[in-house]
Amino acid sequence: MLSKVTPWLMRYAGDPVTLSERFNTVKKAYILCTGGGDDVEAILKRKLDGPVKVIESGHWPMISKPEELVEDMLVLTSAALP
Protein backbone atom coordinates (compact mmCIF):
# COMPACT_ATOMS: atom_id res chain seq x y z
CA MET A 1 0.00 0.00 0.00
CA LEU A 2 2.86 2.41 0.74
CA SER A 3 3.89 2.22 -2.92
CA LYS A 4 0.63 4.03 -3.81
CA VAL A 5 1.09 6.86 -1.31
CA THR A 6 2.37 10.22 -2.50
CA PRO A 7 4.27 12.67 -0.30
CA TRP A 8 2.39 15.51 1.37
CA LEU A 9 4.19 18.82 1.48
CA MET A 10 4.58 19.89 5.10
CA ARG A 11 4.17 23.54 4.14
CA TYR A 12 0.46 22.89 3.60
CA ALA A 13 0.08 22.35 7.35
CA GLY A 14 1.22 25.93 7.97
CA ASP A 15 -0.31 27.73 4.99
CA PRO A 16 -3.07 30.17 5.95
CA VAL A 17 -6.61 29.42 4.88
CA THR A 18 -8.91 32.23 3.79
CA LEU A 19 -12.61 31.54 4.29
CA SER A 20 -15.30 33.43 2.46
CA GLU A 21 -18.20 35.03 4.28
CA ARG A 22 -20.32 32.07 3.20
CA PHE A 23 -18.01 29.30 4.43
CA ASN A 24 -20.66 27.97 6.79
CA THR A 25 -23.20 27.50 3.98
CA VAL A 26 -21.32 24.49 2.61
CA LYS A 27 -23.45 21.38 2.96
CA LYS A 28 -21.97 18.47 4.89
CA ALA A 29 -21.73 14.80 3.96
CA TYR A 30 -19.93 11.92 5.64
CA ILE A 31 -18.06 8.83 4.49
CA LEU A 32 -17.35 6.46 7.36
CA CYS A 33 -14.83 3.61 7.11
CA THR A 34 -15.56 0.51 9.16
CA GLY A 35 -11.90 -0.43 9.59
CA GLY A 36 -10.63 3.02 10.48
CA GLY A 37 -10.76 2.54 14.24
CA ASP A 38 -13.90 4.57 14.96
CA ASP A 39 -17.11 2.97 16.24
CA VAL A 40 -19.17 3.43 13.08
CA GLU A 41 -22.32 2.00 14.67
CA ALA A 42 -22.13 4.56 17.49
CA ILE A 43 -21.56 7.39 15.02
CA LEU A 44 -24.55 6.28 12.95
CA LYS A 45 -26.77 6.40 16.04
CA ARG A 46 -26.04 10.12 16.44
CA LYS A 47 -27.89 12.69 14.37
CA LEU A 48 -25.43 13.81 11.69
CA ASP A 49 -26.15 16.99 9.78
CA GLY A 50 -25.77 15.49 6.32
CA PRO A 51 -26.05 12.32 4.26
CA VAL A 52 -23.81 9.36 5.16
CA LYS A 53 -22.16 6.51 3.25
CA VAL A 54 -20.32 3.62 4.91
CA ILE A 55 -17.39 1.89 3.22
CA GLU A 56 -16.04 -1.49 4.37
CA SER A 57 -12.48 -0.23 4.37
CA GLY A 58 -9.64 0.88 6.55
CA HIS A 59 -8.50 4.47 7.02
CA TRP A 60 -7.35 4.86 3.39
CA PRO A 61 -10.31 4.02 1.11
CA MET A 62 -8.63 6.03 -1.65
CA ILE A 63 -6.06 3.23 -1.78
CA SER A 64 -8.10 0.14 -0.89
CA LYS A 65 -11.44 1.01 -2.56
CA PRO A 66 -10.93 4.00 -4.87
CA GLU A 67 -13.85 3.26 -7.21
CA GLU A 68 -16.33 2.89 -4.34
CA LEU A 69 -15.02 6.04 -2.69
CA VAL A 70 -15.42 8.10 -5.87
CA GLU A 71 -18.90 6.71 -6.47
CA ASP A 72 -19.95 7.56 -2.91
CA MET A 73 -18.43 11.04 -3.16
CA LEU A 74 -20.39 11.73 -6.35
CA VAL A 75 -23.63 10.47 -4.79
CA LEU A 76 -23.06 12.51 -1.63
CA THR A 77 -22.21 15.72 -3.45
CA SER A 78 -25.39 15.37 -5.47
CA ALA A 79 -27.38 14.80 -2.27
CA ALA A 80 -25.76 17.78 -0.58
CA LEU A 81 -26.57 20.25 -3.35
CA PRO A 82 -29.43 22.63 -2.66
PDB file of N, CA and C in Angstrom:
ATOM      1  N   MET A   1       0.826  -1.186   0.000  1.00  0.00           N
ATOM      2  CA  MET A   1       0.000   0.000   0.000  1.00  0.00           C
ATOM      3  C   MET A   1       0.874   1.255   0.000  1.00  0.00           C
ATOM      4  N   LEU A   2       1.994   1.225   0.684  1.00  0.00           N
ATOM      5  CA  LEU A   2       2.857   2.406   0.740  1.00  0.00           C
ATOM      6  C   LEU A   2       3.357   2.820  -0.639  1.00  0.00           C
ATOM      7  N   SER A   3       3.428   1.878  -1.572  1.00  0.00           N
ATOM      8  CA  SER A   3       3.890   2.222  -2.916  1.00  0.00           C
ATOM      9  C   SER A   3       2.906   3.144  -3.639  1.00  0.00           C
ATOM     10  N   LYS A   4       1.656   3.189  -3.177  1.00  0.00           N
ATOM     11  CA  LYS A   4       0.632   4.029  -3.806  1.00  0.00           C
ATOM     12  C   LYS A   4       0.503   5.405  -3.159  1.00  0.00           C
ATOM     13  N   VAL A   5       1.195   5.608  -2.056  1.00  0.00           N
ATOM     14  CA  VAL A   5       1.089   6.856  -1.309  1.00  0.00           C
ATOM     15  C   VAL A   5       2.015   7.904  -1.923  1.00  0.00           C
ATOM     16  N   THR A   6       1.529   9.137  -2.002  1.00  0.00           N
ATOM     17  CA  THR A   6       2.370  10.223  -2.497  1.00  0.00           C
ATOM     18  C   THR A   6       2.724  11.140  -1.326  1.00  0.00           C
ATOM     19  N   PRO A   7       3.870  11.800  -1.407  1.00  0.00           N
ATOM     20  CA  PRO A   7       4.271  12.670  -0.303  1.00  0.00           C
ATOM     21  C   PRO A   7       3.330  13.868  -0.152  1.00  0.00           C
ATOM     22  N   TRP A   8       3.201  14.333   1.053  1.00  0.00           N
ATOM     23  CA  TRP A   8       2.390  15.508   1.367  1.00  0.00           C
ATOM     24  C   TRP A   8       3.338  16.602   1.810  1.00  0.00           C
ATOM     25  N   LEU A   9       3.287  17.732   1.144  1.00  0.00           N
ATOM     26  CA  LEU A   9       4.193  18.818   1.478  1.00  0.00           C
ATOM     27  C   LEU A   9       3.840  19.393   2.845  1.00  0.00           C
ATOM     28  N   MET A  10       4.810  19.419   3.740  1.00  0.00           N
ATOM     29  CA  MET A  10       4.575  19.892   5.104  1.00  0.00           C
ATOM     30  C   MET A  10       4.159  21.365   5.139  1.00  0.00           C
ATOM     31  N   ARG A  11       4.526  22.119   4.122  1.00  0.00           N
ATOM     32  CA  ARG A  11       4.165  23.542   4.144  1.00  0.00           C
ATOM     33  C   ARG A  11       2.649  23.739   4.141  1.00  0.00           C
ATOM     34  N   TYR A  12       1.915  22.760   3.613  1.00  0.00           N
ATOM     35  CA  TYR A  12       0.456  22.887   3.603  1.00  0.00           C
ATOM     36  C   TYR A  12      -0.111  22.952   5.020  1.00  0.00           C
ATOM     37  N   ALA A  13       0.552  22.328   5.965  1.00  0.00           N
ATOM     38  CA  ALA A  13       0.081  22.348   7.349  1.00  0.00           C
ATOM     39  C   ALA A  13       0.167  23.748   7.946  1.00  0.00           C
ATOM     40  N   GLY A  14       1.052  24.588   7.422  1.00  0.00           N
ATOM     41  CA  GLY A  14       1.218  25.934   7.974  1.00  0.00           C
ATOM     42  C   GLY A  14       0.672  27.039   7.101  1.00  0.00           C
ATOM     43  N   ASP A  15       0.232  26.709   5.881  1.00  0.00           N
ATOM     44  CA  ASP A  15      -0.307  27.729   4.986  1.00  0.00           C
ATOM     45  C   ASP A  15      -1.616  28.280   5.536  1.00  0.00           C
ATOM     46  N   PRO A  16      -1.802  29.594   5.468  1.00  0.00           N
ATOM     47  CA  PRO A  16      -3.067  30.168   5.945  1.00  0.00           C
ATOM     48  C   PRO A  16      -4.230  29.795   5.029  1.00  0.00           C
ATOM     49  N   VAL A  17      -5.391  29.717   5.622  1.00  0.00           N
ATOM     50  CA  VAL A  17      -6.608  29.421   4.876  1.00  0.00           C
ATOM     51  C   VAL A  17      -7.508  30.647   4.963  1.00  0.00           C
ATOM     52  N   THR A  18      -8.002  31.086   3.821  1.00  0.00           N
ATOM     53  CA  THR A  18      -8.911  32.227   3.794  1.00  0.00           C
ATOM     54  C   THR A  18     -10.313  31.720   3.515  1.00  0.00           C
ATOM     55  N   LEU A  19     -11.225  31.979   4.441  1.00  0.00           N
ATOM     56  CA  LEU A  19     -12.607  31.544   4.293  1.00  0.00           C
ATOM     57  C   LEU A  19     -13.454  32.702   3.803  1.00  0.00           C
ATOM     58  N   SER A  20     -14.384  32.395   2.927  1.00  0.00           N
ATOM     59  CA  SER A  20     -15.300  33.431   2.457  1.00  0.00           C
ATOM     60  C   SER A  20     -16.345  33.703   3.539  1.00  0.00           C
ATOM     61  N   GLU A  21     -17.135  34.714   3.331  1.00  0.00           N
ATOM     62  CA  GLU A  21     -18.198  35.032   4.282  1.00  0.00           C
ATOM     63  C   GLU A  21     -19.246  33.924   4.335  1.00  0.00           C
ATOM     64  N   ARG A  22     -19.301  33.111   3.290  1.00  0.00           N
ATOM     65  CA  ARG A  22     -20.319  32.068   3.203  1.00  0.00           C
ATOM     66  C   ARG A  22     -19.767  30.680   3.524  1.00  0.00           C
ATOM     67  N   PHE A  23     -18.623  30.597   4.202  1.00  0.00           N
ATOM     68  CA  PHE A  23     -18.006  29.296   4.434  1.00  0.00           C
ATOM     69  C   PHE A  23     -18.929  28.337   5.181  1.00  0.00           C
ATOM     70  N   ASN A  24     -19.789  28.849   6.014  1.00  0.00           N
ATOM     71  CA  ASN A  24     -20.661  27.966   6.792  1.00  0.00           C
ATOM     72  C   ASN A  24     -21.926  27.553   6.044  1.00  0.00           C
ATOM     73  N   THR A  25     -22.052  27.926   4.780  1.00  0.00           N
ATOM     74  CA  THR A  25     -23.199  27.499   3.984  1.00  0.00           C
ATOM     75  C   THR A  25     -22.903  26.218   3.209  1.00  0.00           C
ATOM     76  N   VAL A  26     -21.681  25.722   3.294  1.00  0.00           N
ATOM     77  CA  VAL A  26     -21.318  24.489   2.605  1.00  0.00           C
ATOM     78  C   VAL A  26     -22.058  23.323   3.260  1.00  0.00           C
ATOM     79  N   LYS A  27     -22.724  22.530   2.449  1.00  0.00           N
ATOM     80  CA  LYS A  27     -23.453  21.376   2.961  1.00  0.00           C
ATOM     81  C   LYS A  27     -22.460  20.295   3.395  1.00  0.00           C
ATOM     82  N   LYS A  28     -22.851  19.508   4.369  1.00  0.00           N
ATOM     83  CA  LYS A  28     -21.972  18.468   4.894  1.00  0.00           C
ATOM     84  C   LYS A  28     -22.438  17.091   4.432  1.00  0.00           C
ATOM     85  N   ALA A  29     -21.472  16.204   4.274  1.00  0.00           N
ATOM     86  CA  ALA A  29     -21.726  14.804   3.963  1.00  0.00           C
ATOM     87  C   ALA A  29     -20.605  14.000   4.617  1.00  0.00           C
ATOM     88  N   TYR A  30     -20.877  12.732   4.898  1.00  0.00           N
ATOM     89  CA  TYR A  30     -19.927  11.924   5.642  1.00  0.00           C
ATOM     90  C   TYR A  30     -19.694  10.588   4.962  1.00  0.00           C
ATOM     91  N   ILE A  31     -18.430  10.173   4.903  1.00  0.00           N
ATOM     92  CA  ILE A  31     -18.064   8.826   4.491  1.00  0.00           C
ATOM     93  C   ILE A  31     -17.342   8.205   5.681  1.00  0.00           C
ATOM     94  N   LEU A  32     -17.913   7.132   6.198  1.00  0.00           N
ATOM     95  CA  LEU A  32     -17.349   6.456   7.356  1.00  0.00           C
ATOM     96  C   LEU A  32     -16.715   5.140   6.908  1.00  0.00           C
ATOM     97  N   CYS A  33     -15.551   4.839   7.436  1.00  0.00           N
ATOM     98  CA  CYS A  33     -14.832   3.615   7.108  1.00  0.00           C
ATOM     99  C   CYS A  33     -14.882   2.670   8.299  1.00  0.00           C
ATOM    100  N   THR A  34     -15.360   1.456   8.072  1.00  0.00           N
ATOM    101  CA  THR A  34     -15.563   0.505   9.162  1.00  0.00           C
ATOM    102  C   THR A  34     -14.253   0.046   9.797  1.00  0.00           C
ATOM    103  N   GLY A  35     -13.167   0.050   9.059  1.00  0.00           N
ATOM    104  CA  GLY A  35     -11.898  -0.427   9.586  1.00  0.00           C
ATOM    105  C   GLY A  35     -10.958   0.681   9.995  1.00  0.00           C
ATOM    106  N   GLY A  36     -11.479   1.887  10.154  1.00  0.00           N
ATOM    107  CA  GLY A  36     -10.633   3.021  10.476  1.00  0.00           C
ATOM    108  C   GLY A  36     -10.380   3.235  11.951  1.00  0.00           C
ATOM    109  N   GLY A  37     -10.990   2.418  12.809  1.00  0.00           N
ATOM    110  CA  GLY A  37     -10.757   2.541  14.242  1.00  0.00           C
ATOM    111  C   GLY A  37     -11.876   3.234  15.001  1.00  0.00           C
ATOM    112  N   ASP A  38     -12.770   3.918  14.297  1.00  0.00           N
ATOM    113  CA  ASP A  38     -13.903   4.565  14.961  1.00  0.00           C
ATOM    114  C   ASP A  38     -15.072   3.588  15.067  1.00  0.00           C
ATOM    115  N   ASP A  39     -15.920   3.796  16.053  1.00  0.00           N
ATOM    116  CA  ASP A  39     -17.114   2.974  16.244  1.00  0.00           C
ATOM    117  C   ASP A  39     -18.202   3.498  15.308  1.00  0.00           C
ATOM    118  N   VAL A  40     -18.244   2.951  14.108  1.00  0.00           N
ATOM    119  CA  VAL A  40     -19.170   3.429  13.077  1.00  0.00           C
ATOM    120  C   VAL A  40     -20.617   3.287  13.533  1.00  0.00           C
ATOM    121  N   GLU A  41     -20.945   2.200  14.195  1.00  0.00           N
ATOM    122  CA  GLU A  41     -22.322   1.998  14.672  1.00  0.00           C
ATOM    123  C   GLU A  41     -22.730   3.104  15.640  1.00  0.00           C
ATOM    124  N   ALA A  42     -21.834   3.487  16.539  1.00  0.00           N
ATOM    125  CA  ALA A  42     -22.132   4.561  17.494  1.00  0.00           C
ATOM    126  C   ALA A  42     -22.290   5.896  16.777  1.00  0.00           C
ATOM    127  N   ILE A  43     -21.465   6.137  15.787  1.00  0.00           N
ATOM    128  CA  ILE A  43     -21.556   7.388  15.019  1.00  0.00           C
ATOM    129  C   ILE A  43     -22.890   7.443  14.280  1.00  0.00           C
ATOM    130  N   LEU A  44     -23.293   6.317  13.698  1.00  0.00           N
ATOM    131  CA  LEU A  44     -24.551   6.278  12.947  1.00  0.00           C
ATOM    132  C   LEU A  44     -25.769   6.492  13.834  1.00  0.00           C
ATOM    133  N   LYS A  45     -25.657   6.189  15.121  1.00  0.00           N
ATOM    134  CA  LYS A  45     -26.775   6.400  16.043  1.00  0.00           C
ATOM    135  C   LYS A  45     -26.978   7.876  16.367  1.00  0.00           C
ATOM    136  N   ARG A  46     -25.927   8.673  16.197  1.00  0.00           N
ATOM    137  CA  ARG A  46     -26.044  10.118  16.438  1.00  0.00           C
ATOM    138  C   ARG A  46     -26.715  10.779  15.236  1.00  0.00           C
ATOM    139  N   LYS A  47     -27.287  11.929  15.464  1.00  0.00           N
ATOM    140  CA  LYS A  47     -27.888  12.687  14.367  1.00  0.00           C
ATOM    141  C   LYS A  47     -26.793  13.486  13.680  1.00  0.00           C
ATOM    142  N   LEU A  48     -26.429  13.076  12.476  1.00  0.00           N
ATOM    143  CA  LEU A  48     -25.434  13.806  11.691  1.00  0.00           C
ATOM    144  C   LEU A  48     -26.157  14.811  10.810  1.00  0.00           C
ATOM    145  N   ASP A  49     -25.517  15.915  10.540  1.00  0.00           N
ATOM    146  CA  ASP A  49     -26.149  16.988   9.777  1.00  0.00           C
ATOM    147  C   ASP A  49     -25.847  16.894   8.286  1.00  0.00           C
ATOM    148  N   GLY A  50     -25.974  15.694   7.746  1.00  0.00           N
ATOM    149  CA  GLY A  50     -25.765  15.489   6.323  1.00  0.00           C
ATOM    150  C   GLY A  50     -25.885  14.017   5.982  1.00  0.00           C
ATOM    151  N   PRO A  51     -25.945  13.711   4.681  1.00  0.00           N
ATOM    152  CA  PRO A  51     -26.052  12.316   4.263  1.00  0.00           C
ATOM    153  C   PRO A  51     -24.774  11.542   4.589  1.00  0.00           C
ATOM    154  N   VAL A  52     -24.924  10.217   4.725  1.00  0.00           N
ATOM    155  CA  VAL A  52     -23.810   9.355   5.155  1.00  0.00           C
ATOM    156  C   VAL A  52     -23.693   8.153   4.229  1.00  0.00           C
ATOM    157  N   LYS A  53     -22.471   7.770   3.931  1.00  0.00           N
ATOM    158  CA  LYS A  53     -22.163   6.511   3.248  1.00  0.00           C
ATOM    159  C   LYS A  53     -21.159   5.768   4.122  1.00  0.00           C
ATOM    160  N   VAL A  54     -21.249   4.446   4.143  1.00  0.00           N
ATOM    161  CA  VAL A  54     -20.317   3.616   4.909  1.00  0.00           C
ATOM    162  C   VAL A  54     -19.563   2.732   3.927  1.00  0.00           C
ATOM    163  N   ILE A  55     -18.241   2.720   4.062  1.00  0.00           N
ATOM    164  CA  ILE A  55     -17.391   1.885   3.223  1.00  0.00           C
ATOM    165  C   ILE A  55     -16.718   0.842   4.111  1.00  0.00           C
ATOM    166  N   GLU A  56     -16.757  -0.414   3.676  1.00  0.00           N
ATOM    167  CA  GLU A  56     -16.042  -1.490   4.372  1.00  0.00           C
ATOM    168  C   GLU A  56     -14.576  -1.374   3.979  1.00  0.00           C
ATOM    169  N   SER A  57     -13.860  -0.535   4.712  1.00  0.00           N
ATOM    170  CA  SER A  57     -12.478  -0.228   4.367  1.00  0.00           C
ATOM    171  C   SER A  57     -11.748   0.252   5.605  1.00  0.00           C
ATOM    172  N   GLY A  58     -10.442   0.293   5.501  1.00  0.00           N
ATOM    173  CA  GLY A  58      -9.638   0.885   6.548  1.00  0.00           C
ATOM    174  C   GLY A  58      -9.600   2.394   6.392  1.00  0.00           C
ATOM    175  N   HIS A  59      -8.604   3.012   6.991  1.00  0.00           N
ATOM    176  CA  HIS A  59      -8.495   4.470   7.024  1.00  0.00           C
ATOM    177  C   HIS A  59      -8.218   5.089   5.646  1.00  0.00           C
ATOM    178  N   TRP A  60      -7.719   4.321   4.701  1.00  0.00           N
ATOM    179  CA  TRP A  60      -7.349   4.862   3.392  1.00  0.00           C
ATOM    180  C   TRP A  60      -8.203   4.269   2.276  1.00  0.00           C
ATOM    181  N   PRO A  61      -9.483   4.597   2.181  1.00  0.00           N
ATOM    182  CA  PRO A  61     -10.309   4.025   1.112  1.00  0.00           C
ATOM    183  C   PRO A  61      -9.854   4.476  -0.277  1.00  0.00           C
ATOM    184  N   MET A  62      -9.129   5.585  -0.352  1.00  0.00           N
ATOM    185  CA  MET A  62      -8.635   6.031  -1.650  1.00  0.00           C
ATOM    186  C   MET A  62      -7.587   5.084  -2.205  1.00  0.00           C
ATOM    187  N   ILE A  63      -7.018   4.242  -1.344  1.00  0.00           N
ATOM    188  CA  ILE A  63      -6.055   3.229  -1.778  1.00  0.00           C
ATOM    189  C   ILE A  63      -6.743   1.870  -1.917  1.00  0.00           C
ATOM    190  N   SER A  64      -7.521   1.486  -0.907  1.00  0.00           N
ATOM    191  CA  SER A  64      -8.098   0.145  -0.893  1.00  0.00           C
ATOM    192  C   SER A  64      -9.386   0.003  -1.711  1.00  0.00           C
ATOM    193  N   LYS A  65     -10.165   1.079  -1.819  1.00  0.00           N
ATOM    194  CA  LYS A  65     -11.435   1.010  -2.562  1.00  0.00           C
ATOM    195  C   LYS A  65     -11.686   2.327  -3.308  1.00  0.00           C
ATOM    196  N   PRO A  66     -10.800   2.692  -4.220  1.00  0.00           N
ATOM    197  CA  PRO A  66     -10.930   4.002  -4.872  1.00  0.00           C
ATOM    198  C   PRO A  66     -12.214   4.176  -5.685  1.00  0.00           C
ATOM    199  N   GLU A  67     -12.639   3.127  -6.391  1.00  0.00           N
ATOM    200  CA  GLU A  67     -13.852   3.262  -7.207  1.00  0.00           C
ATOM    201  C   GLU A  67     -15.087   3.496  -6.339  1.00  0.00           C
ATOM    202  N   GLU A  68     -15.189   2.728  -5.251  1.00  0.00           N
ATOM    203  CA  GLU A  68     -16.333   2.886  -4.344  1.00  0.00           C
ATOM    204  C   GLU A  68     -16.317   4.261  -3.683  1.00  0.00           C
ATOM    205  N   LEU A  69     -15.137   4.724  -3.308  1.00  0.00           N
ATOM    206  CA  LEU A  69     -15.017   6.043  -2.689  1.00  0.00           C
ATOM    207  C   LEU A  69     -15.483   7.135  -3.646  1.00  0.00           C
ATOM    208  N   VAL A  70     -15.022   7.087  -4.890  1.00  0.00           N
ATOM    209  CA  VAL A  70     -15.417   8.103  -5.872  1.00  0.00           C
ATOM    210  C   VAL A  70     -16.923   8.049  -6.119  1.00  0.00           C
ATOM    211  N   GLU A  71     -17.452   6.847  -6.262  1.00  0.00           N
ATOM    212  CA  GLU A  71     -18.900   6.707  -6.475  1.00  0.00           C
ATOM    213  C   GLU A  71     -19.684   7.317  -5.317  1.00  0.00           C
ATOM    214  N   ASP A  72     -19.266   7.008  -4.093  1.00  0.00           N
ATOM    215  CA  ASP A  72     -19.952   7.559  -2.914  1.00  0.00           C
ATOM    216  C   ASP A  72     -19.809   9.073  -2.840  1.00  0.00           C
ATOM    217  N   MET A  73     -18.632   9.580  -3.182  1.00  0.00           N
ATOM    218  CA  MET A  73     -18.433  11.037  -3.161  1.00  0.00           C
ATOM    219  C   MET A  73     -19.355  11.723  -4.166  1.00  0.00           C
ATOM    220  N   LEU A  74     -19.502  11.143  -5.343  1.00  0.00           N
ATOM    221  CA  LEU A  74     -20.389  11.733  -6.346  1.00  0.00           C
ATOM    222  C   LEU A  74     -21.845  11.697  -5.895  1.00  0.00           C
ATOM    223  N   VAL A  75     -22.258  10.585  -5.301  1.00  0.00           N
ATOM    224  CA  VAL A  75     -23.630  10.473  -4.793  1.00  0.00           C
ATOM    225  C   VAL A  75     -23.857  11.495  -3.673  1.00  0.00           C
ATOM    226  N   LEU A  76     -22.906  11.598  -2.764  1.00  0.00           N
ATOM    227  CA  LEU A  76     -23.063  12.508  -1.627  1.00  0.00           C
ATOM    228  C   LEU A  76     -23.041  13.971  -2.057  1.00  0.00           C
ATOM    229  N   THR A  77     -22.224  14.318  -3.022  1.00  0.00           N
ATOM    230  CA  THR A  77     -22.214  15.717  -3.452  1.00  0.00           C
ATOM    231  C   THR A  77     -23.523  16.064  -4.149  1.00  0.00           C
ATOM    232  N   SER A  78     -24.092  15.118  -4.854  1.00  0.00           N
ATOM    233  CA  SER A  78     -25.394  15.367  -5.474  1.00  0.00           C
ATOM    234  C   SER A  78     -26.467  15.537  -4.406  1.00  0.00           C
ATOM    235  N   ALA A  79     -26.392  14.737  -3.347  1.00  0.00           N
ATOM    236  CA  ALA A  79     -27.376  14.804  -2.266  1.00  0.00           C
ATOM    237  C   ALA A  79     -27.218  16.079  -1.447  1.00  0.00           C
ATOM    238  N   ALA A  80     -26.006  16.614  -1.401  1.00  0.00           N
ATOM    239  CA  ALA A  80     -25.762  17.784  -0.578  1.00  0.00           C
ATOM    240  C   ALA A  80     -26.044  19.097  -1.311  1.00  0.00           C
ATOM    241  N   LEU A  81     -26.274  19.022  -2.607  1.00  0.00           N
ATOM    242  CA  LEU A  81     -26.567  20.251  -3.350  1.00  0.00           C
ATOM    243  C   LEU A  81     -27.954  20.761  -2.998  1.00  0.00           C
ATOM    244  N   PRO A  82     -28.103  22.075  -3.002  1.00  0.00           N
ATOM    245  CA  PRO A  82     -29.433  22.635  -2.658  1.00  0.00           C
ATOM    246  C   PRO A  82     -30.474  22.305  -3.708  1.00  0.00           C
TER     247      PRO A  82
END
